[in-house]
Amino acid sequence: MNLKPYREALALPGLRSLLLVSVLARIPLTAVGVTLTFYVVLDLGRGYGAAGLVGAAATVGTAIGAPLLGRLVDRHGLRPVLLLCTIVEGVFWAAAPTLSYPVLLPAAFLAGLLALPVFSVVRQSIAALVPTEQRRPAYALDSMSVELSFMVGPAAAVALATTVTPRLTLWAVGAGIVASGICFWLLNPPTRGVDEPAGPRRAVPRREWLTPRLLSVLAVSLAATLVLGGTDVAVVAVLRAGGEVGWTGVVLAVWAVASLVGGFAYGAVRRSFSPLALVAALSLTTIPVGLGGSHWWLLGLALIPTGALCAPTIAATADAVSRLAPPDVRGLAMGLHGSAVTVGIALGAPLAGAVIDASAPAWGFAVTGAVGVLVALVVLPVELRHRRTPPSAPDTPKPAPELAPTTP
């Protein structure tokens, strides 16, 4: 396998430290959902439905807040936004164990609204640090780091909550998030490249950058994570129905390792792949997974093809957004990408759950995969129209008559 793209990307100043800090910073963020669930169920004595509402409040807040925070980064720079979010997160996680359930719900929404924007900031900084032709391996590394964080964070939270207490787990996760904010504030990765226009951000008309092409990439991003969220639930349901729920961790680990391998291969190949083609392949390979039955090893084998497409699909969508968004609004565009990813996961799990309750566990894979294929077919005309249009220079903003005032 050709490792030259990775060597060249990692040799770029600032990228290696950014990726290293991002892996550690994302671990506590990936543990938020399961930590809140354990606290509401075990310490507050509420049901899983009540815990789901708290998680939903935080998710909705994150989906709304991501583009707003991205816009603030575009206008005022990264450090003020990191300072605001780190303070809010610190207050929430310090106070969460003392809050009653009716107060915890709006507090979780506010914490989600001003959640530390690590995922979007890392992808925005990659676009600033890495030339356009080298972004594919850089975003592949980013997707693999996300996969590693999701492998470690929730598992660590479950272990801590079950062996110590959910209350202490809340404080531990909060401390990790605050430490992540401090690390990123000290690192202060760039959000604009050295070859991109410096000085005041210009007011970019929405019609200039929020094009059908970008909207199609956002739709594909949502579809991809919807399929992944549905698959997560369907795996548990299939194994539980077959009496092999104890193998869930092994099957999910096989899926995650396949994603890491696929992400690594994607960054090493010489050609790029369309996000639309990748999400279509991801969805099509997900539909028949349930045919593996309740045998854990058959299910694990059936998940390998779809797993190998997870990291490449997310990497390709982030790469596409970085190319389509002008530097002056890249933070907002990456925030919209983060919202699409968040909403997709939030929709995929309940969709698969509803289908499984109404039919059989295997249909959880089939229906969520079919939704992904449907989204791919809907945005296909935009992709075909784009291919018939002569390409323009990437990341080259058009001149604008006005400059928007900003604080450097």
Protein backbone atom coordinates (compact mmCIF):
# COMPACT_ATOMS: atom_id res chain seq x y z
CA MET A 1 0.00 0.00 0.00
CA ASN A 2 1.23 3.48 -0.86
CA LEU A 3 2.04 5.36 2.36
CA LYS A 4 3.49 8.40 0.61
CA PRO A 5 0.27 10.48 0.91
CA TYR A 6 0.29 9.99 4.67
CA ARG A 7 3.98 10.79 5.04
CA GLU A 8 3.57 13.98 3.02
CA ALA A 9 0.48 15.06 4.93
CA LEU A 10 1.97 14.39 8.36
CA ALA A 11 5.09 16.32 7.39
CA LEU A 12 3.02 19.50 7.07
CA PRO A 13 3.60 21.89 10.00
CA GLY A 14 0.92 21.67 12.67
CA LEU A 15 -1.07 18.71 11.34
CA ARG A 16 0.50 16.02 13.52
CA SER A 17 -0.08 17.93 16.76
CA LEU A 18 -3.63 18.81 15.69
CA LEU A 19 -4.54 15.16 15.06
CA LEU A 20 -2.93 13.99 18.30
CA VAL A 21 -4.78 16.55 20.42
CA SER A 22 -8.02 15.85 18.56
CA VAL A 23 -7.96 12.13 19.43
CA LEU A 24 -7.58 12.86 23.15
CA ALA A 25 -10.05 15.76 23.09
CA ARG A 26 -12.81 13.78 21.42
CA ILE A 27 -12.76 10.89 23.92
CA PRO A 28 -14.74 12.69 26.67
CA LEU A 29 -17.10 14.17 24.07
CA THR A 30 -18.00 10.71 22.77
CA ALA A 31 -18.83 9.63 26.33
CA VAL A 32 -21.46 12.34 26.93
CA GLY A 33 -24.54 10.37 25.84
CA VAL A 34 -23.91 7.18 27.77
CA THR A 35 -22.79 9.13 30.86
CA LEU A 36 -26.01 11.16 31.00
CA THR A 37 -28.03 7.98 30.43
CA PHE A 38 -26.44 6.16 33.37
CA TYR A 39 -26.86 9.18 35.62
CA VAL A 40 -30.57 9.67 34.84
CA VAL A 41 -31.39 5.96 35.13
CA LEU A 42 -29.27 4.97 38.12
CA ASP A 43 -28.86 8.10 40.23
CA LEU A 44 -32.11 9.92 39.46
CA GLY A 45 -34.12 6.70 39.26
CA ARG A 46 -35.83 7.62 36.01
CA GLY A 47 -36.54 5.37 33.03
CA TYR A 48 -34.68 5.08 29.75
CA GLY A 49 -37.28 7.27 28.08
CA ALA A 50 -36.45 10.11 30.47
CA ALA A 51 -32.74 9.51 29.84
CA GLY A 52 -33.40 9.61 26.11
CA LEU A 53 -35.05 13.02 26.47
CA VAL A 54 -31.95 14.43 28.14
CA GLY A 55 -29.79 13.00 25.38
CA ALA A 56 -32.18 14.38 22.76
CA ALA A 57 -32.06 17.84 24.37
CA ALA A 58 -28.27 17.84 24.22
CA THR A 59 -28.31 16.56 20.63
CA VAL A 60 -30.78 19.20 19.44
CA GLY A 61 -28.70 21.87 21.15
CA THR A 62 -25.55 20.61 19.44
CA ALA A 63 -27.22 20.50 16.02
CA ILE A 64 -28.41 24.10 16.39
CA GLY A 65 -25.23 25.38 17.98
CA ALA A 66 -22.63 23.92 15.61
CA PRO A 67 -23.24 26.35 12.70
CA LEU A 68 -23.72 29.28 15.10
CA LEU A 69 -20.36 28.58 16.74
CA GLY A 70 -18.78 28.12 13.32
CA ARG A 71 -20.03 31.56 12.32
CA LEU A 72 -18.55 33.03 15.50
CA VAL A 73 -15.19 31.41 14.68
CA ASP A 74 -15.33 32.95 11.19
CA ARG A 75 -16.03 36.41 12.59
CA HIS A 76 -14.09 36.56 15.86
CA GLY A 77 -11.47 33.85 15.68
CA LEU A 78 -11.13 30.53 17.48
CA ARG A 79 -9.93 31.43 20.97
CA PRO A 80 -12.93 33.53 22.12
CA VAL A 81 -15.29 30.74 21.07
CA LEU A 82 -13.21 28.09 22.84
CA LEU A 83 -13.12 30.21 26.00
CA LEU A 84 -16.91 30.68 26.01
CA CYS A 85 -17.64 26.99 25.36
CA THR A 86 -15.10 25.73 27.89
CA ILE A 87 -16.57 27.93 30.65
CA VAL A 88 -20.15 26.86 29.87
CA GLU A 89 -19.18 23.18 29.73
CA GLY A 90 -17.29 23.45 33.01
CA VAL A 91 -20.28 25.03 34.76
CA PHE A 92 -22.72 22.45 33.37
CA TRP A 93 -20.73 19.35 34.25
CA ALA A 94 -19.82 20.67 37.69
CA ALA A 95 -23.47 21.43 38.48
CA ALA A 96 -25.16 18.50 36.65
CA PRO A 97 -25.03 16.04 39.61
CA THR A 98 -26.90 18.56 41.77
CA LEU A 99 -29.67 19.34 39.27
CA SER A 100 -33.16 17.91 39.45
CA TYR A 101 -34.51 16.26 36.32
CA PRO A 102 -36.74 19.20 35.24
CA VAL A 103 -33.72 21.52 35.44
CA LEU A 104 -31.34 19.03 33.84
CA LEU A 105 -33.35 18.99 30.60
CA PRO A 106 -32.93 22.69 29.65
CA ALA A 107 -29.40 22.69 31.06
CA ALA A 108 -28.47 19.81 28.74
CA PHE A 109 -29.89 21.74 25.79
CA LEU A 110 -27.82 24.82 26.68
CA ALA A 111 -24.70 22.70 27.16
CA GLY A 112 -25.30 21.15 23.73
CA LEU A 113 -25.87 24.57 22.18
CA LEU A 114 -22.46 25.73 23.41
CA ALA A 115 -20.73 22.35 23.25
CA LEU A 116 -17.01 22.43 22.56
CA PRO A 117 -16.86 22.42 18.71
CA VAL A 118 -13.89 20.07 18.49
CA PHE A 119 -15.17 18.00 15.56
CA SER A 120 -15.91 21.02 13.35
CA VAL A 121 -12.83 22.97 14.42
CA VAL A 122 -10.47 20.10 13.62
CA ARG A 123 -11.92 19.75 10.12
CA GLN A 124 -11.79 23.51 9.58
CA SER A 125 -8.16 23.59 10.73
CA ILE A 126 -7.23 20.71 8.42
CA ALA A 127 -8.55 22.77 5.51
CA ALA A 128 -6.36 25.68 6.67
CA LEU A 129 -3.22 23.60 7.23
CA VAL A 130 -3.37 21.23 4.27
CA PRO A 131 -3.30 22.12 0.56
CA THR A 132 -6.35 21.01 -1.39
CA GLU A 133 -4.56 18.16 -3.19
CA GLN A 134 -3.39 16.61 0.12
CA ARG A 135 -6.62 16.85 2.11
CA ARG A 136 -7.88 13.35 1.33
CA PRO A 137 -5.28 11.53 3.48
CA ALA A 138 -5.57 14.25 6.13
CA TYR A 139 -9.32 13.83 6.41
CA ALA A 140 -8.89 10.05 6.35
CA LEU A 141 -6.63 10.36 9.40
CA ASP A 142 -9.25 12.58 11.02
CA SER A 143 -12.00 10.01 10.42
CA MET A 144 -9.83 7.26 11.85
CA SER A 145 -9.16 9.38 14.94
CA VAL A 146 -12.93 9.83 15.38
CA GLU A 147 -13.35 6.05 15.17
CA LEU A 148 -10.69 5.53 17.84
CA SER A 149 -12.34 8.08 20.11
CA PHE A 150 -15.71 6.34 19.81
CA MET A 151 -14.07 3.01 20.58
CA VAL A 152 -12.54 4.35 23.81
CA GLY A 153 -14.90 7.04 25.15
CA PRO A 154 -18.25 5.24 25.65
CA ALA A 155 -16.55 2.06 26.87
CA ALA A 156 -14.53 3.99 29.45
CA ALA A 157 -17.66 5.82 30.62
CA VAL A 158 -19.59 2.57 31.02
CA ALA A 159 -16.74 1.00 32.99
CA LEU A 160 -16.43 4.02 35.28
CA ALA A 161 -20.18 4.41 35.82
CA THR A 162 -20.67 0.75 36.68
CA THR A 163 -17.60 0.32 38.88
CA VAL A 164 -17.69 3.67 40.70
CA THR A 165 -20.79 5.91 40.41
CA PRO A 166 -22.52 7.77 37.57
CA ARG A 167 -22.17 11.00 39.57
CA LEU A 168 -18.38 10.76 39.64
CA THR A 169 -18.45 9.79 35.96
CA LEU A 170 -20.23 13.06 35.19
CA TRP A 171 -17.45 15.00 36.89
CA ALA A 172 -14.76 12.93 35.16
CA VAL A 173 -16.28 13.55 31.72
CA GLY A 174 -16.69 17.23 32.52
CA ALA A 175 -13.07 17.49 33.61
CA GLY A 176 -12.01 15.82 30.38
CA ILE A 177 -14.06 18.26 28.28
CA VAL A 178 -12.66 21.28 30.12
CA ALA A 179 -9.13 19.91 29.67
CA SER A 180 -9.86 19.47 25.95
CA GLY A 181 -10.96 23.10 25.69
CA ILE A 182 -7.82 24.29 27.44
CA CYS A 183 -5.60 22.16 25.20
CA PHE A 184 -7.21 23.52 22.04
CA TRP A 185 -7.02 27.08 23.38
CA LEU A 186 -3.27 26.63 23.96
CA LEU A 187 -2.75 24.89 20.60
CA ASN A 188 -4.85 27.54 18.81
CA PRO A 189 -4.83 25.79 15.41
CA PRO A 190 -5.28 28.08 12.41
CA THR A 191 -8.69 28.42 10.81
CA ARG A 192 -7.37 30.12 7.67
CA GLY A 193 -4.47 29.04 5.48
CA VAL A 194 -1.35 31.11 4.93
CA ASP A 195 -2.26 31.43 1.25
CA GLU A 196 -5.81 32.57 1.98
CA PRO A 197 -6.82 36.23 2.26
CA ALA A 198 -5.98 37.74 5.63
CA GLY A 199 -7.62 40.66 7.39
CA PRO A 200 -11.34 41.35 7.87
CA ARG A 201 -13.74 38.63 6.82
CA ARG A 202 -15.87 39.67 3.90
CA ALA A 203 -19.63 39.24 3.88
CA VAL A 204 -20.14 36.30 1.53
CA PRO A 205 -23.67 36.18 0.07
CA ARG A 206 -25.39 32.95 1.01
CA ARG A 207 -26.27 32.14 -2.61
CA GLU A 208 -22.55 32.25 -3.42
CA TRP A 209 -21.57 29.36 -1.17
CA LEU A 210 -24.75 27.56 -0.02
CA THR A 211 -25.12 25.99 -3.44
CA PRO A 212 -27.10 22.89 -4.46
CA ARG A 213 -23.77 21.06 -4.60
CA LEU A 214 -22.95 21.88 -0.96
CA LEU A 215 -26.49 21.09 0.15
CA SER A 216 -26.21 17.71 -1.56
CA VAL A 217 -22.99 16.97 0.37
CA LEU A 218 -24.74 17.90 3.62
CA ALA A 219 -27.65 15.60 2.71
CA VAL A 220 -25.21 12.78 1.98
CA SER A 221 -23.49 13.40 5.34
CA LEU A 222 -26.82 13.12 7.14
CA ALA A 223 -27.72 9.96 5.24
CA ALA A 224 -24.39 8.32 6.05
CA THR A 225 -24.68 8.80 9.80
CA LEU A 226 -28.36 7.87 9.73
CA VAL A 227 -27.32 4.51 8.29
CA LEU A 228 -24.58 4.15 10.92
CA GLY A 229 -26.90 5.08 13.79
CA GLY A 230 -29.50 2.59 12.58
CA THR A 231 -26.90 -0.13 12.18
CA ASP A 232 -25.72 0.35 15.76
CA VAL A 233 -29.23 -0.31 17.10
CA ALA A 234 -29.96 -3.16 14.69
CA VAL A 235 -26.79 -5.03 15.71
CA VAL A 236 -27.90 -5.07 19.35
CA ALA A 237 -31.45 -6.11 18.41
CA VAL A 238 -30.34 -8.98 16.16
CA LEU A 239 -27.94 -10.41 18.75
CA ARG A 240 -30.47 -10.01 21.55
CA ALA A 241 -33.12 -11.83 19.52
CA GLY A 242 -30.70 -14.70 18.95
CA GLY A 243 -29.62 -14.92 22.58
CA GLU A 244 -26.08 -13.81 21.77
CA VAL A 245 -26.17 -10.27 23.16
CA GLY A 246 -22.97 -11.00 25.09
CA TRP A 247 -21.07 -10.89 21.78
CA THR A 248 -22.25 -7.34 21.00
CA GLY A 249 -18.93 -5.77 21.94
CA VAL A 250 -17.01 -8.16 19.70
CA VAL A 251 -19.27 -7.55 16.71
CA LEU A 252 -19.10 -3.77 17.13
CA ALA A 253 -15.32 -4.01 17.47
CA VAL A 254 -15.13 -5.91 14.16
CA TRP A 255 -17.23 -3.15 12.58
CA ALA A 256 -14.97 -0.44 14.02
CA VAL A 257 -11.75 -2.15 12.95
CA ALA A 258 -13.13 -2.54 9.42
CA SER A 259 -13.82 1.21 9.44
CA LEU A 260 -10.24 1.95 10.49
CA VAL A 261 -8.86 -0.28 7.74
CA GLY A 262 -11.18 1.28 5.18
CA GLY A 263 -10.24 4.79 6.25
CA PHE A 264 -6.55 3.98 6.01
CA ALA A 265 -6.96 2.51 2.53
CA TYR A 266 -9.02 5.49 1.39
CA GLY A 267 -6.29 7.93 2.35
CA ALA A 268 -3.60 5.88 0.65
CA VAL A 269 -5.18 5.44 -2.77
CA ARG A 270 -4.31 7.87 -5.57
CA ARG A 271 -7.82 8.82 -6.65
CA SER A 272 -10.70 10.47 -4.82
CA PHE A 273 -14.20 9.07 -4.61
CA SER A 274 -17.44 10.99 -4.72
CA PRO A 275 -19.23 11.23 -1.34
CA LEU A 276 -22.40 10.27 -3.20
CA ALA A 277 -20.84 7.06 -4.54
CA LEU A 278 -19.50 6.19 -1.10
CA VAL A 279 -22.80 6.73 0.73
CA ALA A 280 -24.61 4.73 -1.95
CA ALA A 281 -22.16 1.84 -1.47
CA LEU A 282 -22.42 2.16 2.32
CA SER A 283 -26.22 2.01 2.17
CA LEU A 284 -26.37 -0.84 -0.33
CA THR A 285 -23.98 -3.01 1.70
CA THR A 286 -25.99 -2.28 4.87
CA ILE A 287 -29.34 -3.54 3.49
CA PRO A 288 -28.45 -7.28 3.47
CA VAL A 289 -26.49 -7.33 6.76
CA GLY A 290 -29.46 -8.76 8.64
CA LEU A 291 -29.31 -11.86 6.46
CA GLY A 292 -26.32 -12.89 8.58
CA GLY A 293 -28.85 -13.98 11.16
CA SER A 294 -28.35 -14.03 14.88
CA HIS A 295 -25.01 -15.84 14.79
CA TRP A 296 -22.50 -13.27 16.03
CA TRP A 297 -19.67 -14.36 13.74
CA LEU A 298 -21.86 -14.27 10.61
CA LEU A 299 -23.12 -10.83 11.61
CA GLY A 300 -19.55 -9.65 12.14
CA LEU A 301 -18.51 -10.88 8.71
CA ALA A 302 -21.55 -9.24 7.10
CA LEU A 303 -20.61 -5.92 8.72
CA ILE A 304 -17.08 -5.83 7.29
CA PRO A 305 -17.99 -4.31 3.88
CA THR A 306 -20.21 -1.61 5.38
CA GLY A 307 -17.66 -0.97 8.13
CA ALA A 308 -14.90 -0.50 5.58
CA LEU A 309 -16.96 2.32 4.03
CA CYS A 310 -17.74 4.22 7.28
CA ALA A 311 -14.56 6.28 7.72
CA PRO A 312 -14.07 6.91 3.96
CA THR A 313 -17.60 8.28 3.63
CA ILE A 314 -17.27 10.74 6.52
CA ALA A 315 -13.80 11.76 5.33
CA ALA A 316 -15.05 12.37 1.79
CA THR A 317 -17.94 14.56 2.96
CA ALA A 318 -15.66 16.70 5.14
CA ASP A 319 -13.16 17.02 2.28
CA ALA A 320 -15.94 18.07 -0.10
CA VAL A 321 -17.23 20.75 2.29
CA SER A 322 -13.71 22.14 2.73
CA ARG A 323 -13.37 22.49 -1.04
CA LEU A 324 -16.81 24.00 -1.64
CA ALA A 325 -16.87 26.59 1.16
CA PRO A 326 -14.94 29.88 0.77
CA PRO A 327 -12.45 30.54 3.60
CA ASP A 328 -14.58 33.39 4.97
CA VAL A 329 -17.48 31.06 5.78
CA ARG A 330 -15.67 27.77 6.23
CA GLY A 331 -16.40 27.65 9.96
CA LEU A 332 -20.12 28.04 9.31
CA ALA A 333 -20.01 25.41 6.55
CA MET A 334 -18.15 22.94 8.77
CA GLY A 335 -20.67 23.67 11.51
CA LEU A 336 -23.48 22.76 9.12
CA HIS A 337 -21.60 19.57 8.29
CA GLY A 338 -21.35 18.79 11.99
CA SER A 339 -25.08 19.42 12.39
CA ALA A 340 -25.86 17.09 9.48
CA VAL A 341 -23.74 14.34 11.04
CA THR A 342 -25.37 14.85 14.45
CA VAL A 343 -28.92 14.89 13.08
CA GLY A 344 -28.25 11.76 11.03
CA ILE A 345 -27.14 9.79 14.08
CA ALA A 346 -30.07 11.15 16.10
CA LEU A 347 -32.57 10.05 13.43
CA GLY A 348 -31.01 6.70 12.56
CA ALA A 349 -31.30 5.09 15.98
CA PRO A 350 -35.03 5.77 16.62
CA LEU A 351 -35.88 4.96 12.98
CA ALA A 352 -34.24 1.55 13.24
CA GLY A 353 -35.82 1.01 16.66
CA ALA A 354 -39.31 1.77 15.38
CA VAL A 355 -38.86 -0.54 12.40
CA ILE A 356 -37.53 -3.34 14.61
CA ASP A 357 -40.43 -2.99 17.06
CA ALA A 358 -42.92 -3.17 14.18
CA SER A 359 -41.31 -6.07 12.31
CA ALA A 360 -38.06 -7.94 12.93
CA PRO A 361 -34.47 -6.94 13.86
CA ALA A 362 -33.09 -7.63 10.38
CA TRP A 363 -35.38 -4.96 8.93
CA GLY A 364 -33.50 -2.33 10.93
CA PHE A 365 -30.56 -2.77 8.55
CA ALA A 366 -32.75 -2.94 5.45
CA VAL A 367 -34.82 0.17 6.10
CA THR A 368 -32.01 2.48 7.19
CA GLY A 369 -29.92 1.29 4.25
CA ALA A 370 -32.84 1.91 1.92
CA VAL A 371 -33.20 5.46 3.27
CA GLY A 372 -29.54 6.05 2.49
CA VAL A 373 -30.03 4.78 -1.07
CA LEU A 374 -33.10 7.01 -1.47
CA VAL A 375 -31.14 10.10 -0.40
CA ALA A 376 -28.38 9.18 -2.85
CA LEU A 377 -30.93 8.93 -5.67
CA VAL A 378 -32.47 12.29 -4.73
CA VAL A 379 -29.13 14.14 -4.88
CA LEU A 380 -27.88 12.23 -7.94
CA PRO A 381 -29.15 14.88 -10.42
CA VAL A 382 -27.10 17.53 -8.61
CA GLU A 383 -23.99 15.37 -8.91
CA LEU A 384 -24.60 14.72 -12.60
CA ARG A 385 -25.20 18.41 -13.25
CA HIS A 386 -21.95 19.22 -11.43
CA ARG A 387 -19.99 16.77 -13.58
CA ARG A 388 -21.31 18.37 -16.74
CA THR A 389 -20.24 21.82 -15.52
CA PRO A 390 -16.61 22.91 -16.11
CA PRO A 391 -14.77 22.92 -12.74
CA SER A 392 -13.78 26.19 -11.12
CA ALA A 393 -10.77 26.82 -8.92
CA PRO A 394 -11.38 25.44 -5.43
CA ASP A 395 -11.45 27.72 -2.42
CA THR A 396 -11.22 30.82 -4.61
CA PRO A 397 -13.72 33.36 -3.32
CA LYS A 398 -15.36 35.82 -5.65
CA PRO A 399 -14.77 39.50 -5.01
CA ALA A 400 -17.35 41.26 -2.91
CA PRO A 401 -18.05 44.98 -2.68
CA GLU A 402 -18.29 45.04 1.14
CA LEU A 403 -16.19 43.86 4.01
CA ALA A 404 -17.81 42.59 7.17
CA PRO A 405 -16.20 44.06 10.30
CA THR A 406 -14.67 41.53 12.60
CA THR A 407 -12.32 41.09 15.48
CA PRO A 408 -9.09 39.30 14.57
